[in-house]
Amino acid sequence: MRTKNGEAIAGDDYFAIDEVLTFGKNQTFAKVTIKIIDDDGWEPDENFYVELYDIETRIKLEGADTETKVTIIDDDKPGNL
């Protein structure tokens, strides 16, 4: 499993991950923690992605459920005009 940039950029908006995710027998989900970099600067909401891939070929797995979009919602106040 790894993160992939969208409008949000690893190192600026979140900490990238690239690690092996192992499922046990009958396990249908796993919890993943990705740290978001919070700052005081206003930005629009930004997205990045988490995808599952083959660890031998590093190619993204096929299927609709092998990638998900994560939205970082801006919690900073815009400037006054």
PDB file of N, CA and C in Angstrom:
ATOM      1  N   MET A   1       0.846  -1.152   0.000  1.00  0.00           N
ATOM      2  CA  MET A   1       0.000   0.000   0.000  1.00  0.00           C
ATOM      3  C   MET A   1       0.900   1.226   0.000  1.00  0.00           C
ATOM      4  N   ARG A   2       0.452   2.223  -0.754  1.00  0.00           N
ATOM      5  CA  ARG A   2       1.239   3.464  -0.831  1.00  0.00           C
ATOM      6  C   ARG A   2       0.318   4.647  -1.085  1.00  0.00           C
ATOM      7  N   THR A   3       0.821   5.816  -0.748  1.00  0.00           N
ATOM      8  CA  THR A   3       0.095   7.039  -1.055  1.00  0.00           C
ATOM      9  C   THR A   3       0.561   7.561  -2.398  1.00  0.00           C
ATOM     10  N   LYS A   4      -0.312   8.344  -3.018  1.00  0.00           N
ATOM     11  CA  LYS A   4      -0.016   8.927  -4.321  1.00  0.00           C
ATOM     12  C   LYS A   4      -0.556  10.356  -4.319  1.00  0.00           C
ATOM     13  N   ASN A   5       0.260  11.292  -4.750  1.00  0.00           N
ATOM     14  CA  ASN A   5      -0.134  12.697  -4.774  1.00  0.00           C
ATOM     15  C   ASN A   5      -1.331  12.950  -5.682  1.00  0.00           C
ATOM     16  N   GLY A   6      -2.141  13.910  -5.269  1.00  0.00           N
ATOM     17  CA  GLY A   6      -3.170  14.517  -6.098  1.00  0.00           C
ATOM     18  C   GLY A   6      -2.861  15.997  -6.026  1.00  0.00           C
ATOM     19  N   GLU A   7      -3.856  16.808  -5.610  1.00  0.00           N
ATOM     20  CA  GLU A   7      -3.565  18.216  -5.338  1.00  0.00           C
ATOM     21  C   GLU A   7      -2.711  18.334  -4.081  1.00  0.00           C
ATOM     22  N   ALA A   8      -2.916  17.437  -3.118  1.00  0.00           N
ATOM     23  CA  ALA A   8      -2.098  17.387  -1.903  1.00  0.00           C
ATOM     24  C   ALA A   8      -0.763  16.718  -2.239  1.00  0.00           C
ATOM     25  N   ILE A   9       0.310  17.278  -1.722  1.00  0.00           N
ATOM     26  CA  ILE A   9       1.660  16.816  -2.033  1.00  0.00           C
ATOM     27  C   ILE A   9       2.317  16.246  -0.781  1.00  0.00           C
ATOM     28  N   ALA A  10       2.885  15.039  -0.922  1.00  0.00           N
ATOM     29  CA  ALA A  10       3.611  14.412   0.183  1.00  0.00           C
ATOM     30  C   ALA A  10       4.759  15.315   0.619  1.00  0.00           C
ATOM     31  N   GLY A  11       4.933  15.459   1.920  1.00  0.00           N
ATOM     32  CA  GLY A  11       5.971  16.318   2.468  1.00  0.00           C
ATOM     33  C   GLY A  11       5.503  17.737   2.730  1.00  0.00           C
ATOM     34  N   ASP A  12       4.497  18.208   1.961  1.00  0.00           N
ATOM     35  CA  ASP A  12       3.918  19.533   2.180  1.00  0.00           C
ATOM     36  C   ASP A  12       2.580  19.440   2.902  1.00  0.00           C
ATOM     37  N   ASP A  13       1.772  18.448   2.517  1.00  0.00           N
ATOM     38  CA  ASP A  13       0.409  18.347   3.040  1.00  0.00           C
ATOM     39  C   ASP A  13       0.164  17.088   3.883  1.00  0.00           C
ATOM     40  N   TYR A  14       0.934  16.046   3.650  1.00  0.00           N
ATOM     41  CA  TYR A  14       0.788  14.788   4.390  1.00  0.00           C
ATOM     42  C   TYR A  14       2.100  14.019   4.327  1.00  0.00           C
ATOM     43  N   PHE A  15       2.261  13.033   5.203  1.00  0.00           N
ATOM     44  CA  PHE A  15       3.444  12.186   5.193  1.00  0.00           C
ATOM     45  C   PHE A  15       3.148  10.931   4.378  1.00  0.00           C
ATOM     46  N   ALA A  16       3.922  10.704   3.337  1.00  0.00           N
ATOM     47  CA  ALA A  16       3.720   9.558   2.458  1.00  0.00           C
ATOM     48  C   ALA A  16       3.969   8.251   3.209  1.00  0.00           C
ATOM     49  N   ILE A  17       3.273   7.201   2.778  1.00  0.00           N
ATOM     50  CA  ILE A  17       3.531   5.860   3.291  1.00  0.00           C
ATOM     51  C   ILE A  17       3.712   4.921   2.107  1.00  0.00           C
ATOM     52  N   ASP A  18       4.501   3.897   2.326  1.00  0.00           N
ATOM     53  CA  ASP A  18       4.708   2.822   1.352  1.00  0.00           C
ATOM     54  C   ASP A  18       5.100   1.607   2.180  1.00  0.00           C
ATOM     55  N   GLU A  19       4.122   0.752   2.472  1.00  0.00           N
ATOM     56  CA  GLU A  19       4.358  -0.366   3.374  1.00  0.00           C
ATOM     57  C   GLU A  19       3.525  -1.575   2.985  1.00  0.00           C
ATOM     58  N   VAL A  20       3.954  -2.724   3.450  1.00  0.00           N
ATOM     59  CA  VAL A  20       3.228  -3.965   3.179  1.00  0.00           C
ATOM     60  C   VAL A  20       2.026  -4.044   4.103  1.00  0.00           C
ATOM     61  N   LEU A  21       0.887  -4.355   3.515  1.00  0.00           N
ATOM     62  CA  LEU A  21      -0.360  -4.528   4.253  1.00  0.00           C
ATOM     63  C   LEU A  21      -0.752  -5.989   4.108  1.00  0.00           C
ATOM     64  N   THR A  22      -0.814  -6.705   5.222  1.00  0.00           N
ATOM     65  CA  THR A  22      -1.094  -8.133   5.202  1.00  0.00           C
ATOM     66  C   THR A  22      -2.452  -8.404   5.826  1.00  0.00           C
ATOM     67  N   PHE A  23      -3.278  -9.149   5.112  1.00  0.00           N
ATOM     68  CA  PHE A  23      -4.588  -9.533   5.607  1.00  0.00           C
ATOM     69  C   PHE A  23      -4.551 -10.979   6.081  1.00  0.00           C
ATOM     70  N   GLY A  24      -5.134 -11.234   7.251  1.00  0.00           N
ATOM     71  CA  GLY A  24      -5.263 -12.581   7.765  1.00  0.00           C
ATOM     72  C   GLY A  24      -6.479 -13.264   7.167  1.00  0.00           C
ATOM     73  N   LYS A  25      -6.610 -14.537   7.428  1.00  0.00           N
ATOM     74  CA  LYS A  25      -7.754 -15.310   6.937  1.00  0.00           C
ATOM     75  C   LYS A  25      -9.048 -14.678   7.463  1.00  0.00           C
ATOM     76  N   ASN A  26      -9.993 -14.469   6.574  1.00  0.00           N
ATOM     77  CA  ASN A  26     -11.304 -13.882   6.868  1.00  0.00           C
ATOM     78  C   ASN A  26     -11.242 -12.402   7.272  1.00  0.00           C
ATOM     79  N   GLN A  27     -10.098 -11.774   7.195  1.00  0.00           N
ATOM     80  CA  GLN A  27      -9.987 -10.346   7.505  1.00  0.00           C
ATOM     81  C   GLN A  27     -10.463  -9.545   6.304  1.00  0.00           C
ATOM     82  N   THR A  28     -11.370  -8.602   6.528  1.00  0.00           N
ATOM     83  CA  THR A  28     -11.941  -7.841   5.420  1.00  0.00           C
ATOM     84  C   THR A  28     -11.546  -6.367   5.414  1.00  0.00           C
ATOM     85  N   PHE A  29     -10.865  -5.889   6.456  1.00  0.00           N
ATOM     86  CA  PHE A  29     -10.429  -4.502   6.465  1.00  0.00           C
ATOM     87  C   PHE A  29      -9.174  -4.368   7.319  1.00  0.00           C
ATOM     88  N   ALA A  30      -8.495  -3.240   7.149  1.00  0.00           N
ATOM     89  CA  ALA A  30      -7.310  -2.922   7.942  1.00  0.00           C
ATOM     90  C   ALA A  30      -7.292  -1.421   8.184  1.00  0.00           C
ATOM     91  N   LYS A  31      -6.789  -1.025   9.328  1.00  0.00           N
ATOM     92  CA  LYS A  31      -6.685   0.392   9.674  1.00  0.00           C
ATOM     93  C   LYS A  31      -5.318   0.920   9.239  1.00  0.00           C
ATOM     94  N   VAL A  32      -5.339   2.080   8.614  1.00  0.00           N
ATOM     95  CA  VAL A  32      -4.118   2.721   8.145  1.00  0.00           C
ATOM     96  C   VAL A  32      -4.093   4.134   8.706  1.00  0.00           C
ATOM     97  N   THR A  33      -2.959   4.561   9.225  1.00  0.00           N
ATOM     98  CA  THR A  33      -2.820   5.914   9.751  1.00  0.00           C
ATOM     99  C   THR A  33      -1.872   6.706   8.855  1.00  0.00           C
ATOM    100  N   ILE A  34      -2.356   7.849   8.389  1.00  0.00           N
ATOM    101  CA  ILE A  34      -1.536   8.747   7.578  1.00  0.00           C
ATOM    102  C   ILE A  34      -1.571  10.106   8.254  1.00  0.00           C
ATOM    103  N   LYS A  35      -0.412  10.627   8.583  1.00  0.00           N
ATOM    104  CA  LYS A  35      -0.344  11.908   9.279  1.00  0.00           C
ATOM    105  C   LYS A  35      -0.475  13.066   8.291  1.00  0.00           C
ATOM    106  N   ILE A  36      -1.352  13.997   8.661  1.00  0.00           N
ATOM    107  CA  ILE A  36      -1.592  15.198   7.866  1.00  0.00           C
ATOM    108  C   ILE A  36      -0.736  16.329   8.430  1.00  0.00           C
ATOM    109  N   ILE A  37      -0.137  17.124   7.555  1.00  0.00           N
ATOM    110  CA  ILE A  37       0.678  18.268   7.971  1.00  0.00           C
ATOM    111  C   ILE A  37      -0.237  19.484   8.039  1.00  0.00           C
ATOM    112  N   ASP A  38      -0.454  19.966   9.245  1.00  0.00           N
ATOM    113  CA  ASP A  38      -1.342  21.104   9.464  1.00  0.00           C
ATOM    114  C   ASP A  38      -0.518  22.386   9.500  1.00  0.00           C
ATOM    115  N   ASP A  39      -1.005  23.404   8.826  1.00  0.00           N
ATOM    116  CA  ASP A  39      -0.362  24.718   8.885  1.00  0.00           C
ATOM    117  C   ASP A  39      -1.451  25.773   9.018  1.00  0.00           C
ATOM    118  N   ASP A  40      -1.043  27.029   9.134  1.00  0.00           N
ATOM    119  CA  ASP A  40      -2.011  28.107   9.309  1.00  0.00           C
ATOM    120  C   ASP A  40      -2.372  28.800   8.004  1.00  0.00           C
ATOM    121  N   GLY A  41      -1.786  28.352   6.908  1.00  0.00           N
ATOM    122  CA  GLY A  41      -2.066  28.999   5.628  1.00  0.00           C
ATOM    123  C   GLY A  41      -3.330  28.451   4.986  1.00  0.00           C
ATOM    124  N   TRP A  42      -4.196  29.356   4.472  1.00  0.00           N
ATOM    125  CA  TRP A  42      -5.421  28.923   3.826  1.00  0.00           C
ATOM    126  C   TRP A  42      -5.104  28.289   2.487  1.00  0.00           C
ATOM    127  N   GLU A  43      -5.736  27.154   2.222  1.00  0.00           N
ATOM    128  CA  GLU A  43      -5.657  26.475   0.936  1.00  0.00           C
ATOM    129  C   GLU A  43      -7.027  25.868   0.665  1.00  0.00           C
ATOM    130  N   PRO A  44      -7.342  25.609  -0.588  1.00  0.00           N
ATOM    131  CA  PRO A  44      -8.591  24.880  -0.834  1.00  0.00           C
ATOM    132  C   PRO A  44      -8.429  23.430  -0.360  1.00  0.00           C
ATOM    133  N   ASP A  45      -9.541  22.706  -0.231  1.00  0.00           N
ATOM    134  CA  ASP A  45      -9.458  21.289   0.098  1.00  0.00           C
ATOM    135  C   ASP A  45      -8.590  20.603  -0.957  1.00  0.00           C
ATOM    136  N   GLU A  46      -7.778  19.638  -0.521  1.00  0.00           N
ATOM    137  CA  GLU A  46      -6.865  18.950  -1.439  1.00  0.00           C
ATOM    138  C   GLU A  46      -7.001  17.446  -1.259  1.00  0.00           C
ATOM    139  N   ASN A  47      -6.780  16.709  -2.341  1.00  0.00           N
ATOM    140  CA  ASN A  47      -6.891  15.257  -2.325  1.00  0.00           C
ATOM    141  C   ASN A  47      -5.544  14.580  -2.536  1.00  0.00           C
ATOM    142  N   PHE A  48      -5.418  13.385  -1.966  1.00  0.00           N
ATOM    143  CA  PHE A  48      -4.362  12.450  -2.330  1.00  0.00           C
ATOM    144  C   PHE A  48      -4.997  11.069  -2.327  1.00  0.00           C
ATOM    145  N   TYR A  49      -4.246  10.058  -2.709  1.00  0.00           N
ATOM    146  CA  TYR A  49      -4.804   8.726  -2.887  1.00  0.00           C
ATOM    147  C   TYR A  49      -3.993   7.684  -2.128  1.00  0.00           C
ATOM    148  N   VAL A  50      -4.669   6.620  -1.746  1.00  0.00           N
ATOM    149  CA  VAL A  50      -4.017   5.445  -1.165  1.00  0.00           C
ATOM    150  C   VAL A  50      -4.363   4.292  -2.091  1.00  0.00           C
ATOM    151  N   GLU A  51      -3.326   3.585  -2.552  1.00  0.00           N
ATOM    152  CA  GLU A  51      -3.566   2.497  -3.487  1.00  0.00           C
ATOM    153  C   GLU A  51      -2.869   1.217  -3.044  1.00  0.00           C
ATOM    154  N   LEU A  52      -3.461   0.113  -3.434  1.00  0.00           N
ATOM    155  CA  LEU A  52      -2.879  -1.206  -3.200  1.00  0.00           C
ATOM    156  C   LEU A  52      -2.126  -1.612  -4.453  1.00  0.00           C
ATOM    157  N   TYR A  53      -0.963  -2.230  -4.275  1.00  0.00           N
ATOM    158  CA  TYR A  53      -0.162  -2.627  -5.424  1.00  0.00           C
ATOM    159  C   TYR A  53       0.527  -3.952  -5.153  1.00  0.00           C
ATOM    160  N   ASP A  54       0.967  -4.592  -6.214  1.00  0.00           N
ATOM    161  CA  ASP A  54       1.702  -5.854  -6.123  1.00  0.00           C
ATOM    162  C   ASP A  54       3.123  -5.548  -5.650  1.00  0.00           C
ATOM    163  N   ILE A  55       3.551  -6.153  -4.547  1.00  0.00           N
ATOM    164  CA  ILE A  55       4.870  -5.813  -3.990  1.00  0.00           C
ATOM    165  C   ILE A  55       6.024  -6.304  -4.862  1.00  0.00           C
ATOM    166  N   GLU A  56       5.766  -7.281  -5.730  1.00  0.00           N
ATOM    167  CA  GLU A  56       6.839  -7.765  -6.611  1.00  0.00           C
ATOM    168  C   GLU A  56       6.995  -6.892  -7.851  1.00  0.00           C
ATOM    169  N   THR A  57       5.877  -6.490  -8.463  1.00  0.00           N
ATOM    170  CA  THR A  57       5.950  -5.703  -9.696  1.00  0.00           C
ATOM    171  C   THR A  57       5.796  -4.206  -9.453  1.00  0.00           C
ATOM    172  N   ARG A  58       5.279  -3.836  -8.288  1.00  0.00           N
ATOM    173  CA  ARG A  58       4.981  -2.457  -7.907  1.00  0.00           C
ATOM    174  C   ARG A  58       3.902  -1.833  -8.798  1.00  0.00           C
ATOM    175  N   ILE A  59       3.123  -2.666  -9.484  1.00  0.00           N
ATOM    176  CA  ILE A  59       2.023  -2.208 -10.329  1.00  0.00           C
ATOM    177  C   ILE A  59       0.742  -2.203  -9.499  1.00  0.00           C
ATOM    178  N   LYS A  60      -0.044  -1.122  -9.643  1.00  0.00           N
ATOM    179  CA  LYS A  60      -1.314  -1.002  -8.926  1.00  0.00           C
ATOM    180  C   LYS A  60      -2.206  -2.198  -9.240  1.00  0.00           C
ATOM    181  N   LEU A  61      -2.865  -2.721  -8.223  1.00  0.00           N
ATOM    182  CA  LEU A  61      -3.780  -3.836  -8.416  1.00  0.00           C
ATOM    183  C   LEU A  61      -5.006  -3.374  -9.210  1.00  0.00           C
ATOM    184  N   GLU A  62      -5.593  -4.286  -9.947  1.00  0.00           N
ATOM    185  CA  GLU A  62      -6.785  -3.974 -10.723  1.00  0.00           C
ATOM    186  C   GLU A  62      -8.007  -3.987  -9.827  1.00  0.00           C
ATOM    187  N   GLY A  63      -9.022  -3.263 -10.240  1.00  0.00           N
ATOM    188  CA  GLY A  63     -10.278  -3.253  -9.503  1.00  0.00           C
ATOM    189  C   GLY A  63     -10.596  -1.892  -8.929  1.00  0.00           C
ATOM    190  N   ALA A  64     -11.889  -1.650  -8.757  1.00  0.00           N
ATOM    191  CA  ALA A  64     -12.363  -0.357  -8.265  1.00  0.00           C
ATOM    192  C   ALA A  64     -12.024  -0.130  -6.797  1.00  0.00           C
ATOM    193  N   ASP A  65     -11.846  -1.188  -6.036  1.00  0.00           N
ATOM    194  CA  ASP A  65     -11.610  -1.050  -4.596  1.00  0.00           C
ATOM    195  C   ASP A  65     -10.132  -1.070  -4.220  1.00  0.00           C
ATOM    196  N   THR A  66      -9.240  -0.850  -5.166  1.00  0.00           N
ATOM    197  CA  THR A  66      -7.811  -0.882  -4.861  1.00  0.00           C
ATOM    198  C   THR A  66      -7.200   0.505  -4.720  1.00  0.00           C
ATOM    199  N   GLU A  67      -8.025   1.538  -4.854  1.00  0.00           N
ATOM    200  CA  GLU A  67      -7.561   2.914  -4.665  1.00  0.00           C
ATOM    201  C   GLU A  67      -8.678   3.713  -4.019  1.00  0.00           C
ATOM    202  N   THR A  68      -8.302   4.573  -3.085  1.00  0.00           N
ATOM    203  CA  THR A  68      -9.299   5.446  -2.463  1.00  0.00           C
ATOM    204  C   THR A  68      -8.765   6.866  -2.418  1.00  0.00           C
ATOM    205  N   LYS A  69      -9.676   7.811  -2.532  1.00  0.00           N
ATOM    206  CA  LYS A  69      -9.322   9.231  -2.469  1.00  0.00           C
ATOM    207  C   LYS A  69      -9.481   9.713  -1.037  1.00  0.00           C
ATOM    208  N   VAL A  70      -8.482  10.453  -0.562  1.00  0.00           N
ATOM    209  CA  VAL A  70      -8.514  11.066   0.766  1.00  0.00           C
ATOM    210  C   VAL A  70      -8.530  12.576   0.562  1.00  0.00           C
ATOM    211  N   THR A  71      -9.485  13.257   1.196  1.00  0.00           N
ATOM    212  CA  THR A  71      -9.586  14.710   1.077  1.00  0.00           C
ATOM    213  C   THR A  71      -9.137  15.363   2.370  1.00  0.00           C
ATOM    214  N   ILE A  72      -8.170  16.260   2.255  1.00  0.00           N
ATOM    215  CA  ILE A  72      -7.735  17.075   3.388  1.00  0.00           C
ATOM    216  C   ILE A  72      -8.585  18.338   3.346  1.00  0.00           C
ATOM    217  N   ILE A  73      -9.434  18.490   4.342  1.00  0.00           N
ATOM    218  CA  ILE A  73     -10.312  19.654   4.390  1.00  0.00           C
ATOM    219  C   ILE A  73      -9.604  20.789   5.096  1.00  0.00           C
ATOM    220  N   ASP A  74      -9.534  21.932   4.433  1.00  0.00           N
ATOM    221  CA  ASP A  74      -8.836  23.084   5.009  1.00  0.00           C
ATOM    222  C   ASP A  74      -9.605  23.609   6.201  1.00  0.00           C
ATOM    223  N   ASP A  75      -8.920  23.776   7.334  1.00  0.00           N
ATOM    224  CA  ASP A  75      -9.567  24.288   8.538  1.00  0.00           C
ATOM    225  C   ASP A  75      -9.035  25.672   8.919  1.00  0.00           C
ATOM    226  N   ASP A  76      -8.323  26.308   8.000  1.00  0.00           N
ATOM    227  CA  ASP A  76      -7.778  27.645   8.245  1.00  0.00           C
ATOM    228  C   ASP A  76      -8.724  28.694   7.662  1.00  0.00           C
ATOM    229  N   LYS A  77      -8.735  29.857   8.258  1.00  0.00           N
ATOM    230  CA  LYS A  77      -9.624  30.924   7.814  1.00  0.00           C
ATOM    231  C   LYS A  77      -8.976  31.719   6.701  1.00  0.00           C
ATOM    232  N   PRO A  78      -9.733  32.028   5.634  1.00  0.00           N
ATOM    233  CA  PRO A  78      -9.170  32.863   4.557  1.00  0.00           C
ATOM    234  C   PRO A  78      -9.013  34.297   5.044  1.00  0.00           C
ATOM    235  N   GLY A  79      -8.231  35.057   4.317  1.00  0.00           N
ATOM    236  CA  GLY A  79      -8.004  36.464   4.665  1.00  0.00           C
ATOM    237  C   GLY A  79      -9.252  37.308   4.452  1.00  0.00           C
ATOM    238  N   ASN A  80      -9.232  38.505   4.996  1.00  0.00           N
ATOM    239  CA  ASN A  80     -10.341  39.446   4.849  1.00  0.00           C
ATOM    240  C   ASN A  80     -10.066  40.381   3.685  1.00  0.00           C
ATOM    241  N   LEU A  81     -11.138  40.741   2.978  1.00  0.00           N
ATOM    242  CA  LEU A  81     -10.992  41.709   1.882  1.00  0.00           C
ATOM    243  C   LEU A  81     -11.658  43.004   2.280  1.00  0.00           C
TER     244      LEU A  81
END
